[in-house]
Amino acid sequence: MGKTKYRIMKLSIISVTIIVGIFTYTNLLKGQDMIEYRMNPDLDCIKPDWKGNIVINGKFQNDTMPESAPLWDVVKWKLSRNPQRKEKKSEIYHLPVEKLSFPLDSNNQIIWLGHATFIIQINGVRIITDPVFENIPANKRKTVLPCNADSIGDIDYLLISHDHHDHFNKKSIELLSRNNPSMEALTPLNARRLFDTDILKNIPIQEAGWYQEYRIKDDVRIIFLPAKHWGRRGLNDFNKTLWGGFLIVGKHTKVFFAGDSAYGEIFKDIQELFGDIDICIFPIGAYSPEFMMASSHMNPEEAITAFRDLNGKIFIPMHYGTFDLSDEPLGEPIRRLRVSALESNCMENIKELTIGHTSLIE
């Protein structure tokens, strides 16, 4: 019965993938390409001569070439047998979790809640990134939250990197909104469409393009920066919302939250604009199979290279161990990161956070 259910699930995924591909390719073939450049005219752009994000036929792009959903790569992936299947099945890996209590003290600190969700407190400002407190569609959370989600309070800014379900969870954000009525959302361009429930509509939103700085009343700067990724939540909204990362600049510390991204020259560009980065929060998981994932996710070795591009001081890994999103075993990303850090002579720069543990920053 288990094998039958697995085959049915596999066929369902393939069917949905084909339908998604038809939608995508049909849209790409409609008439002549309409190319434009977008940014938020109400926000400052900190990169000289930046024209804005490229949009082709209503879809955001990583570069000037039209993109489409990797239809046949997805089909190939779902039909292929995972070469690490036995290793993955036999692995027993659990991220350690420490109990977290609220209210928090006023120290500058970073707390990992799992996957890409962090509480970052700097200069008296409390920020939460990509909050996902529960299971996501077709994927059960592998770790518990270190606290009761209802207890998370005094959040000033909600940072959303992109629209994928493992980074934007409506129920989690609704809960945050109820308990943090003054919370403001800082998002990519065209993310307002995601805030479409009665509760979410009440959240004030600033949308930014790459290299744009949000208007912050507090004593920090927050800038939206590039990532090599993509977006989608349903059948017909491929790349309708932009994606990216964030730089949070305090009095003495710069924190870079990468969101989801493949490796690219963007990290050298960020270093040239802002100088060396004190704390770099990088994704290290969901990289296998390479033919499918390399265009949108970094592997641990590439994350180390990106960290060196930023001349970073502290590397905090994320995006592993909380959700099973790809073919590699859950614990492999952090093991590969340790090996790569040793080989790159930067092991002392790696700071592995336990979920729920408070890590103080300057």
Protein backbone atom coordinates (compact mmCIF):
# COMPACT_ATOMS: atom_id res chain seq x y z
CA MET A 1 0.00 0.00 0.00
CA GLY A 2 2.91 2.34 0.79
CA LYS A 3 4.43 1.87 -2.67
CA THR A 4 1.05 2.47 -4.32
CA LYS A 5 0.59 5.73 -2.43
CA TYR A 6 4.12 6.76 -3.38
CA ARG A 7 3.45 6.10 -7.09
CA ILE A 8 0.18 8.03 -6.96
CA MET A 9 1.91 10.96 -5.27
CA LYS A 10 4.71 10.86 -7.86
CA LEU A 11 2.26 10.88 -10.76
CA SER A 12 0.33 13.74 -9.15
CA ILE A 13 3.48 15.83 -8.84
CA ILE A 14 4.41 15.14 -12.46
CA SER A 15 0.89 16.04 -13.65
CA VAL A 16 0.94 19.33 -11.75
CA THR A 17 4.43 20.06 -13.08
CA ILE A 18 3.29 19.56 -16.69
CA ILE A 19 0.27 21.82 -16.14
CA VAL A 20 2.54 24.49 -14.61
CA GLY A 21 4.87 24.19 -17.59
CA ILE A 22 2.02 24.62 -20.06
CA PHE A 23 0.91 27.79 -18.29
CA THR A 24 4.47 29.12 -18.26
CA TYR A 25 5.34 28.39 -21.87
CA THR A 26 1.96 29.62 -23.11
CA ASN A 27 2.56 32.94 -21.40
CA LEU A 28 6.05 33.22 -22.85
CA LEU A 29 4.78 32.65 -26.38
CA LYS A 30 2.11 35.34 -26.25
CA GLY A 31 3.14 38.08 -28.65
CA GLN A 32 6.31 40.15 -28.53
CA ASP A 33 8.37 40.37 -25.36
CA MET A 34 7.52 43.43 -23.28
CA ILE A 35 10.63 44.49 -21.35
CA GLU A 36 10.57 47.08 -18.58
CA TYR A 37 12.56 48.09 -15.50
CA ARG A 38 10.89 48.48 -12.13
CA MET A 39 11.70 49.97 -8.78
CA ASN A 40 9.72 51.75 -6.09
CA PRO A 41 9.79 55.48 -6.91
CA ASP A 42 9.18 56.30 -3.24
CA LEU A 43 12.40 54.65 -2.07
CA ASP A 44 16.02 55.66 -2.58
CA CYS A 45 18.27 53.54 -4.81
CA ILE A 46 21.79 53.23 -3.43
CA LYS A 47 23.47 51.86 -6.56
CA PRO A 48 24.46 54.52 -9.10
CA ASP A 49 23.06 54.01 -12.62
CA TRP A 50 20.80 51.11 -11.55
CA LYS A 51 17.77 51.20 -13.86
CA GLY A 52 15.64 48.83 -11.82
CA ASN A 53 14.65 45.17 -11.88
CA ILE A 54 14.10 43.62 -15.28
CA VAL A 55 10.54 42.52 -15.96
CA ILE A 56 9.73 40.61 -19.17
CA ASN A 57 6.08 39.99 -20.00
CA GLY A 58 5.13 40.76 -16.41
CA LYS A 59 7.71 38.38 -14.89
CA PHE A 60 10.75 39.40 -12.88
CA GLN A 61 14.11 38.10 -14.13
CA ASN A 62 17.56 37.39 -12.74
CA ASP A 63 19.10 38.77 -15.95
CA THR A 64 18.07 39.98 -19.41
CA MET A 65 17.19 36.55 -20.80
CA PRO A 66 13.56 35.35 -20.57
CA GLU A 67 13.14 32.51 -18.11
CA SER A 68 10.72 29.65 -17.84
CA ALA A 69 9.93 27.06 -15.20
CA PRO A 70 12.42 24.16 -15.45
CA LEU A 71 9.62 21.81 -16.54
CA TRP A 72 11.60 18.87 -17.88
CA ASP A 73 14.19 19.15 -15.10
CA VAL A 74 11.40 18.79 -12.56
CA VAL A 75 9.93 15.79 -14.40
CA LYS A 76 13.40 14.22 -14.67
CA TRP A 77 13.95 14.79 -10.94
CA LYS A 78 10.63 13.28 -9.88
CA LEU A 79 11.06 10.26 -12.18
CA SER A 80 14.68 9.63 -11.15
CA ARG A 81 15.77 7.48 -8.25
CA ASN A 82 17.65 9.41 -5.60
CA PRO A 83 21.22 8.01 -5.49
CA GLN A 84 21.32 8.94 -1.77
CA ARG A 85 17.98 7.30 -0.99
CA LYS A 86 19.37 4.57 1.30
CA GLU A 87 21.67 6.99 3.11
CA LYS A 88 18.82 9.43 3.57
CA LYS A 89 16.43 6.79 4.83
CA SER A 90 18.88 5.42 7.39
CA GLU A 91 20.09 8.80 8.65
CA ILE A 92 18.97 9.91 12.08
CA TYR A 93 19.47 13.67 12.24
CA HIS A 94 17.69 16.20 14.40
CA LEU A 95 18.60 19.82 14.89
CA PRO A 96 19.06 20.56 18.60
CA VAL A 97 16.40 22.86 20.07
CA GLU A 98 16.66 25.03 23.19
CA LYS A 99 13.59 26.43 24.90
CA LEU A 100 13.17 30.15 24.24
CA SER A 101 11.28 32.42 26.62
CA PHE A 102 9.71 35.79 25.99
CA PRO A 103 9.97 38.67 26.65
CA LEU A 104 13.55 39.00 25.40
CA ASP A 105 16.07 41.35 26.95
CA SER A 106 17.29 44.43 25.10
CA ASN A 107 20.69 43.07 24.01
CA ASN A 108 21.71 42.99 20.36
CA GLN A 109 21.12 39.35 19.43
CA ILE A 110 20.22 36.79 16.78
CA ILE A 111 17.95 33.81 17.45
CA TRP A 112 17.27 31.02 14.95
CA LEU A 113 13.74 29.63 14.95
CA GLY A 114 14.46 27.13 12.16
CA HIS A 115 14.90 27.16 8.36
CA ALA A 116 15.08 30.85 7.31
CA THR A 117 13.29 32.30 10.34
CA PHE A 118 15.41 34.49 12.61
CA ILE A 119 14.76 37.11 15.23
CA ILE A 120 17.38 39.81 14.83
CA GLN A 121 17.54 42.50 17.49
CA ILE A 122 19.83 45.42 16.79
CA ASN A 123 19.89 48.99 18.14
CA GLY A 124 16.62 48.39 19.96
CA VAL A 125 14.86 47.26 16.77
CA ARG A 126 13.36 43.75 16.60
CA ILE A 127 13.17 42.07 13.21
CA ILE A 128 11.83 38.68 12.11
CA THR A 129 12.75 37.07 8.79
CA ASP A 130 10.66 34.73 6.61
CA PRO A 131 8.47 33.39 9.46
CA VAL A 132 7.28 29.81 9.04
CA PHE A 133 6.13 28.22 12.30
CA GLU A 134 4.33 25.13 11.02
CA ASN A 135 4.16 22.54 8.24
CA ILE A 136 4.08 23.73 4.64
CA PRO A 137 2.23 22.13 1.67
CA ALA A 138 3.46 18.56 1.09
CA ASN A 139 6.27 19.01 3.61
CA LYS A 140 6.18 18.35 7.34
CA ARG A 141 8.35 20.42 9.64
CA LYS A 142 11.16 18.28 11.12
CA THR A 143 11.85 20.44 14.18
CA VAL A 144 9.65 21.96 16.84
CA LEU A 145 9.57 25.69 17.48
CA PRO A 146 11.67 26.65 20.51
CA CYS A 147 8.77 28.72 21.88
CA ASN A 148 5.04 29.16 21.68
CA ALA A 149 4.47 31.15 18.49
CA ASP A 150 1.84 33.20 20.32
CA SER A 151 4.54 34.52 22.65
CA ILE A 152 6.60 36.18 19.89
CA GLY A 153 6.07 39.87 20.54
CA ASP A 154 7.43 43.38 20.09
CA ILE A 155 8.31 42.76 16.44
CA ASP A 156 8.98 46.03 14.60
CA TYR A 157 9.72 44.75 11.11
CA LEU A 158 8.77 41.63 9.19
CA LEU A 159 11.25 40.86 6.39
CA ILE A 160 10.04 38.69 3.49
CA SER A 161 12.67 37.53 0.99
CA HIS A 162 10.34 35.90 -1.57
CA ASP A 163 7.02 34.12 -2.03
CA HIS A 164 7.89 30.40 -1.75
CA HIS A 165 5.86 28.52 0.86
CA ASP A 166 8.90 27.72 3.00
CA HIS A 167 9.59 31.46 3.35
CA PHE A 168 6.11 33.01 3.30
CA ASN A 169 3.49 31.26 5.42
CA LYS A 170 0.22 33.16 5.74
CA LYS A 171 -0.93 31.52 8.98
CA SER A 172 2.36 32.31 10.69
CA ILE A 173 2.25 35.94 9.56
CA GLU A 174 -1.40 36.29 10.60
CA LEU A 175 -0.46 35.06 14.06
CA LEU A 176 2.40 37.56 14.22
CA SER A 177 0.10 40.36 13.07
CA ARG A 178 -2.44 39.65 15.81
CA ASN A 179 0.25 39.78 18.49
CA ASN A 180 2.28 42.63 16.94
CA PRO A 181 -0.25 45.22 15.73
CA SER A 182 2.42 47.85 15.00
CA MET A 183 4.59 45.48 12.91
CA GLU A 184 5.52 46.70 9.42
CA ALA A 185 6.40 44.43 6.47
CA LEU A 186 9.46 45.06 4.30
CA THR A 187 9.09 43.06 1.10
CA PRO A 188 10.18 42.70 -2.53
CA LEU A 189 8.31 44.38 -5.37
CA ASN A 190 4.77 43.09 -5.98
CA ALA A 191 4.59 41.22 -2.67
CA ARG A 192 1.47 43.09 -1.62
CA ARG A 193 -0.55 40.52 -3.58
CA LEU A 194 0.46 37.91 -0.98
CA PHE A 195 -1.15 39.86 1.87
CA ASP A 196 -4.67 39.09 0.69
CA THR A 197 -6.46 37.87 3.81
CA ASP A 198 -8.54 40.08 6.12
CA ILE A 199 -5.79 40.03 8.75
CA LEU A 200 -2.82 40.47 6.41
CA LYS A 201 -4.39 43.44 4.64
CA ASN A 202 -3.93 45.47 7.81
CA ILE A 203 -0.13 45.15 7.82
CA PRO A 204 1.66 48.28 6.51
CA ILE A 205 3.97 47.27 3.63
CA GLN A 206 6.97 48.78 1.91
CA GLU A 207 7.96 47.10 -1.37
CA ALA A 208 11.50 47.50 -2.69
CA GLY A 209 13.49 46.56 -5.75
CA TRP A 210 17.12 45.49 -5.61
CA TYR A 211 19.48 48.11 -4.17
CA GLN A 212 16.63 50.12 -2.67
CA GLU A 213 16.63 51.28 0.94
CA TYR A 214 13.47 51.11 3.01
CA ARG A 215 12.34 54.15 4.95
CA ILE A 216 12.99 53.25 8.56
CA LYS A 217 12.09 55.52 11.47
CA ASP A 218 14.41 53.67 13.83
CA ASP A 219 18.17 53.81 14.18
CA VAL A 220 18.95 51.13 11.58
CA ARG A 221 19.18 50.94 7.80
CA ILE A 222 17.61 48.06 5.83
CA ILE A 223 18.41 47.61 2.14
CA PHE A 224 16.93 45.05 -0.25
CA LEU A 225 19.64 43.31 -2.30
CA PRO A 226 19.88 40.84 -5.20
CA ALA A 227 19.60 37.06 -5.09
CA LYS A 228 19.70 34.50 -7.89
CA HIS A 229 16.40 32.75 -7.41
CA TRP A 230 12.77 32.75 -8.62
CA GLY A 231 9.23 32.89 -7.30
CA ARG A 232 5.94 30.99 -7.43
CA ARG A 233 3.10 29.96 -5.13
CA GLY A 234 0.49 28.65 -7.57
CA LEU A 235 -0.06 27.59 -11.17
CA ASN A 236 -0.01 30.95 -12.88
CA ASP A 237 2.09 33.35 -10.81
CA PHE A 238 5.62 32.38 -11.88
CA ASN A 239 8.02 35.25 -11.02
CA LYS A 240 5.15 37.66 -10.33
CA THR A 241 6.88 38.71 -7.10
CA LEU A 242 10.54 39.67 -6.87
CA TRP A 243 13.06 37.86 -4.62
CA GLY A 244 16.17 38.99 -2.78
CA GLY A 245 18.12 39.36 0.45
CA PHE A 246 18.50 42.05 3.09
CA LEU A 247 21.34 44.07 4.57
CA ILE A 248 20.63 45.36 8.07
CA VAL A 249 23.02 48.13 9.11
CA GLY A 250 23.29 49.03 12.80
CA LYS A 251 25.60 51.45 14.58
CA HIS A 252 28.46 48.96 14.76
CA THR A 253 27.30 45.84 12.92
CA LYS A 254 26.19 44.90 9.39
CA VAL A 255 24.04 41.78 9.08
CA PHE A 256 23.37 40.20 5.68
CA PHE A 257 20.43 37.81 5.33
CA ALA A 258 20.73 36.12 1.93
CA GLY A 259 17.22 34.64 1.60
CA ASP A 260 17.39 31.91 -1.07
CA SER A 261 20.05 32.26 -3.75
CA ALA A 262 22.38 30.47 -6.11
CA TYR A 263 26.00 31.61 -6.14
CA GLY A 264 26.90 34.53 -8.38
CA GLU A 265 28.87 37.76 -8.77
CA ILE A 266 26.18 39.56 -6.76
CA PHE A 267 28.08 38.98 -3.52
CA LYS A 268 31.23 40.71 -4.77
CA ASP A 269 29.01 43.58 -5.89
CA ILE A 270 27.45 43.84 -2.41
CA GLN A 271 30.90 43.95 -0.80
CA GLU A 272 32.01 46.71 -3.16
CA LEU A 273 28.96 48.78 -2.24
CA PHE A 274 28.95 48.25 1.54
CA GLY A 275 32.41 47.02 2.50
CA ASP A 276 33.09 43.99 4.68
CA ILE A 277 30.03 42.36 6.27
CA ASP A 278 30.12 41.44 9.97
CA ILE A 279 27.47 38.69 10.07
CA CYS A 280 26.43 36.69 7.01
CA ILE A 281 23.38 34.42 7.22
CA PHE A 282 23.60 32.01 4.28
CA PRO A 283 21.43 29.09 3.06
CA ILE A 284 23.35 25.83 2.75
CA GLY A 285 20.70 23.19 1.95
CA ALA A 286 18.36 22.05 -0.85
CA TYR A 287 21.15 21.67 -3.44
CA SER A 288 20.61 18.13 -4.72
CA PRO A 289 20.17 17.09 -7.50
CA GLU A 290 22.58 19.66 -8.87
CA PHE A 291 21.01 19.81 -12.37
CA MET A 292 17.77 20.92 -10.75
CA MET A 293 18.93 23.06 -7.83
CA ALA A 294 22.18 24.76 -8.86
CA SER A 295 20.45 27.65 -10.62
CA SER A 296 18.56 28.71 -7.49
CA HIS A 297 20.33 27.30 -4.39
CA MET A 298 23.90 27.34 -3.13
CA ASN A 299 25.63 24.23 -1.88
CA PRO A 300 27.79 24.57 1.27
CA GLU A 301 31.02 25.07 -0.69
CA GLU A 302 29.47 27.86 -2.74
CA ALA A 303 28.14 29.47 0.42
CA ILE A 304 31.69 29.59 1.79
CA THR A 305 32.83 31.26 -1.45
CA ALA A 306 30.02 33.83 -1.16
CA PHE A 307 31.03 34.46 2.46
CA ARG A 308 34.61 35.11 1.36
CA ASP A 309 33.32 37.41 -1.42
CA LEU A 310 31.67 39.52 1.29
CA ASN A 311 34.84 39.46 3.43
CA GLY A 312 32.54 38.26 6.17
CA LYS A 313 33.51 37.90 9.81
CA ILE A 314 30.83 35.47 11.04
CA PHE A 315 28.99 32.86 8.94
CA ILE A 316 25.62 31.66 10.30
CA PRO A 317 24.18 28.71 8.29
CA MET A 318 20.44 28.32 7.68
CA HIS A 319 17.99 26.58 5.33
CA TYR A 320 18.83 23.04 6.41
CA GLY A 321 17.43 20.45 8.81
CA THR A 322 13.95 21.98 9.25
CA PHE A 323 12.23 20.91 6.01
CA ASP A 324 13.13 18.03 3.68
CA LEU A 325 13.12 19.89 0.36
CA SER A 326 15.58 17.97 -1.83
CA ASP A 327 17.56 14.75 -2.32
CA GLU A 328 20.44 15.18 0.12
CA PRO A 329 20.16 13.78 3.67
CA LEU A 330 19.05 16.35 6.26
CA GLY A 331 22.38 16.47 8.07
CA GLU A 332 24.63 16.50 5.01
CA PRO A 333 24.66 20.30 4.43
CA ILE A 334 26.15 21.12 7.83
CA ARG A 335 28.68 18.29 7.55
CA ARG A 336 29.81 19.52 4.14
CA LEU A 337 29.97 23.09 5.45
CA ARG A 338 32.34 22.05 8.25
CA VAL A 339 34.64 20.25 5.80
CA SER A 340 34.64 23.20 3.40
CA ALA A 341 35.31 25.67 6.21
CA LEU A 342 38.29 23.59 7.40
CA GLU A 343 39.69 23.39 3.87
CA SER A 344 39.20 27.16 3.44
CA ASN A 345 40.82 27.97 6.81
CA CYS A 346 37.71 29.73 8.07
CA MET A 347 36.34 27.23 10.57
CA GLU A 348 36.67 29.82 13.34
CA ASN A 349 34.25 32.05 11.42
CA ILE A 350 31.42 29.49 11.36
CA LYS A 351 28.80 29.98 14.05
CA GLU A 352 26.29 27.13 14.11
CA LEU A 353 23.20 28.28 15.97
CA THR A 354 21.10 25.91 18.02
CA ILE A 355 17.42 26.57 17.40
CA GLY A 356 16.19 28.82 20.19
CA HIS A 357 19.63 29.74 21.53
CA THR A 358 20.29 33.47 21.98
CA SER A 359 23.50 34.56 20.25
CA LEU A 360 24.70 38.00 21.31
CA ILE A 361 26.14 40.39 18.72
CA GLU A 362 27.99 43.68 19.09
